[in-house]
Each structure stands twice: as structure tokens, then as C-alpha cells.
Amino acid sequence: ELAKISIPDQVKYFNVSPEIEEINPRDSKVKKVTFRVYAPSASVVNLLCSNANFSPFTYAMVKDNAGYWEVSLPLSCGNYSYCYFIDNIQELDINNPNKTMAKGLGRMSAFRVN
């Protein structure tokens, strides 16, 4: 079961989730993808992503002073699905309306790198 996290309006700063940016204008095949999740009371947050076979220990996220956890990855063009592992609980990205199903994991957040 997925827990619901309420984000106070004064700390919302990430309107598109995940954020996808150009790394090098001359190489449009790889983009910087930044994932952020608000979990101020969490002890450990990891990103589970389809590019790493959803391993919960592949991408450890770093917490900032506002209670957001973040990690950035270089990803090539394609479709991806992901979720967060917050204190051993699987969570969808509540800021991303795009969802998909992943075999063995159920509902996941989804995005495309163009």
C-alpha cells in the first residue's frame, strides 16, 4: 500500500517531475534527469528506476535543508518507469501524473526522455 505525503505549499518548487535538462547542446542523445521527492522525516530514500532493473539500492538520494531528497542521472532517449523507496516503503511520484505498470512491482511513475 502506498503512503500519501502532503507537501506544504511554501516548499513546492519542482513543477515538472522528473526534471529533464540538456547536458550538452551538441549531444542531444543523453539528458540530465533530476528526481526530487519531499520526505522531511525520512531516514533513507532511494530511487528505483527501470534503467537499473528497479534495484532499491542503486541510486541513493541526498536530502537538502528543505526536506527534499534528490538524485540526478544521465539518461539516453527512451521510456522509463520509477518510484521512490522511502524508509523501505515503495512510493509513486505524486508530482508526476504519468503512471505505468511494471512486472512484479505494480504501478509506477513514468516519463520519456526525447
Protein backbone atom coordinates (compact mmCIF):
# COMPACT_ATOMS: atom_id res chain seq x y z
CA GLU A 1 0.00 0.00 0.00
CA LEU A 2 1.31 3.44 -0.92
CA ALA A 3 1.53 6.09 1.79
CA LYS A 4 0.38 9.63 0.98
CA ILE A 5 2.71 12.56 1.63
CA SER A 6 1.35 16.08 1.96
CA ILE A 7 3.68 18.80 0.67
CA PRO A 8 3.21 22.26 2.19
CA ASP A 9 2.72 24.95 -0.49
CA GLN A 10 5.66 27.02 0.73
CA VAL A 11 8.15 24.25 -0.11
CA LYS A 12 6.85 23.22 -3.54
CA TYR A 13 9.47 24.19 -6.12
CA PHE A 14 9.54 21.34 -8.58
CA ASN A 15 6.72 21.69 -11.11
CA VAL A 16 7.79 19.02 -13.60
CA SER A 17 8.76 15.64 -12.26
CA PRO A 18 11.28 14.42 -13.09
CA GLU A 19 13.12 17.44 -14.43
CA ILE A 20 14.89 16.77 -17.76
CA GLU A 21 17.68 19.08 -18.94
CA GLU A 22 20.22 19.21 -21.77
CA ILE A 23 23.71 18.21 -20.66
CA ASN A 24 25.50 19.22 -23.84
CA PRO A 25 23.66 21.10 -26.63
CA ARG A 26 25.82 19.28 -29.21
CA ASP A 27 24.81 15.85 -27.85
CA SER A 28 21.05 15.58 -27.55
CA LYS A 29 21.08 11.80 -27.01
CA VAL A 30 21.82 11.99 -23.27
CA LYS A 31 19.93 14.21 -20.83
CA LYS A 32 20.32 15.03 -17.15
CA VAL A 33 17.24 13.76 -15.32
CA THR A 34 16.72 15.04 -11.77
CA PHE A 35 14.38 13.27 -9.37
CA ARG A 36 13.13 15.01 -6.22
CA VAL A 37 10.78 13.82 -3.51
CA TYR A 38 9.61 15.60 -0.38
CA ALA A 39 10.13 13.37 2.66
CA PRO A 40 11.40 15.54 5.53
CA SER A 41 11.13 12.87 8.22
CA ALA A 42 12.63 10.04 6.15
CA SER A 43 15.92 8.44 7.16
CA VAL A 44 16.78 6.85 3.80
CA VAL A 45 15.43 7.42 0.29
CA ASN A 46 16.44 5.52 -2.84
CA LEU A 47 15.31 5.82 -6.44
CA LEU A 48 14.17 2.61 -8.15
CA CYS A 49 14.39 3.08 -11.92
CA SER A 50 13.82 0.81 -14.90
CA ASN A 51 17.29 1.59 -16.25
CA ALA A 52 18.78 -0.33 -13.29
CA ASN A 53 16.22 -3.17 -13.14
CA PHE A 54 14.50 -1.42 -10.20
CA SER A 55 17.25 -2.22 -7.71
CA PRO A 56 16.35 -0.35 -4.48
CA PHE A 57 19.99 0.25 -3.63
CA THR A 58 21.29 1.60 -6.94
CA TYR A 59 20.54 5.31 -6.56
CA ALA A 60 20.80 6.73 -3.05
CA MET A 61 19.20 10.16 -2.81
CA VAL A 62 20.61 13.13 -0.87
CA LYS A 63 18.48 15.24 1.47
CA ASP A 64 18.52 19.06 1.40
CA ASN A 65 17.61 21.50 4.20
CA ALA A 66 14.00 21.87 2.98
CA GLY A 67 13.26 18.15 3.33
CA TYR A 68 13.63 17.22 -0.36
CA TRP A 69 15.65 14.21 -1.45
CA GLU A 70 17.35 14.44 -4.85
CA VAL A 71 19.44 12.48 -7.32
CA SER A 72 20.39 13.26 -10.95
CA LEU A 73 21.15 10.68 -13.64
CA PRO A 74 22.39 10.88 -17.23
CA LEU A 75 19.78 9.01 -19.28
CA SER A 76 19.57 8.41 -23.02
CA CYS A 77 16.40 8.73 -25.09
CA GLY A 78 13.69 6.26 -24.18
CA ASN A 79 10.80 5.41 -21.87
CA TYR A 80 11.45 4.90 -18.17
CA SER A 81 9.47 3.96 -15.10
CA TYR A 82 10.44 4.62 -11.49
CA CYS A 83 9.37 5.02 -7.90
CA TYR A 84 10.94 6.01 -4.62
CA PHE A 85 11.86 3.67 -1.78
CA ILE A 86 11.29 5.83 1.32
CA ASP A 87 12.28 4.15 4.59
CA ASN A 88 11.60 0.75 2.98
CA ILE A 89 8.19 1.76 1.58
CA GLN A 90 7.58 2.00 -2.18
CA GLU A 91 6.12 5.40 -3.16
CA LEU A 92 4.98 6.79 -6.50
CA ASP A 93 5.99 10.30 -7.57
CA ILE A 94 2.94 12.39 -6.58
CA ASN A 95 4.17 15.24 -8.80
CA ASN A 96 4.13 13.08 -11.95
CA PRO A 97 0.67 12.21 -13.32
CA ASN A 98 2.09 9.64 -15.77
CA LYS A 99 1.82 6.07 -14.49
CA THR A 100 2.54 2.61 -15.89
CA MET A 101 2.69 -0.98 -14.66
CA ALA A 102 5.96 -2.80 -14.02
CA LYS A 103 6.03 -6.59 -13.80
CA GLY A 104 6.41 -7.67 -10.18
CA LEU A 105 6.26 -4.10 -8.83
CA GLY A 106 2.81 -2.90 -9.83
CA ARG A 107 2.03 0.73 -10.54
CA MET A 108 5.00 3.00 -11.26
CA SER A 109 5.59 6.63 -12.26
CA ALA A 110 6.65 7.02 -15.91
CA PHE A 111 8.45 9.52 -18.17
CA ARG A 112 10.12 9.79 -21.55
CA VAL A 113 13.47 11.29 -22.47
CA ASN A 114 13.29 12.69 -26.02
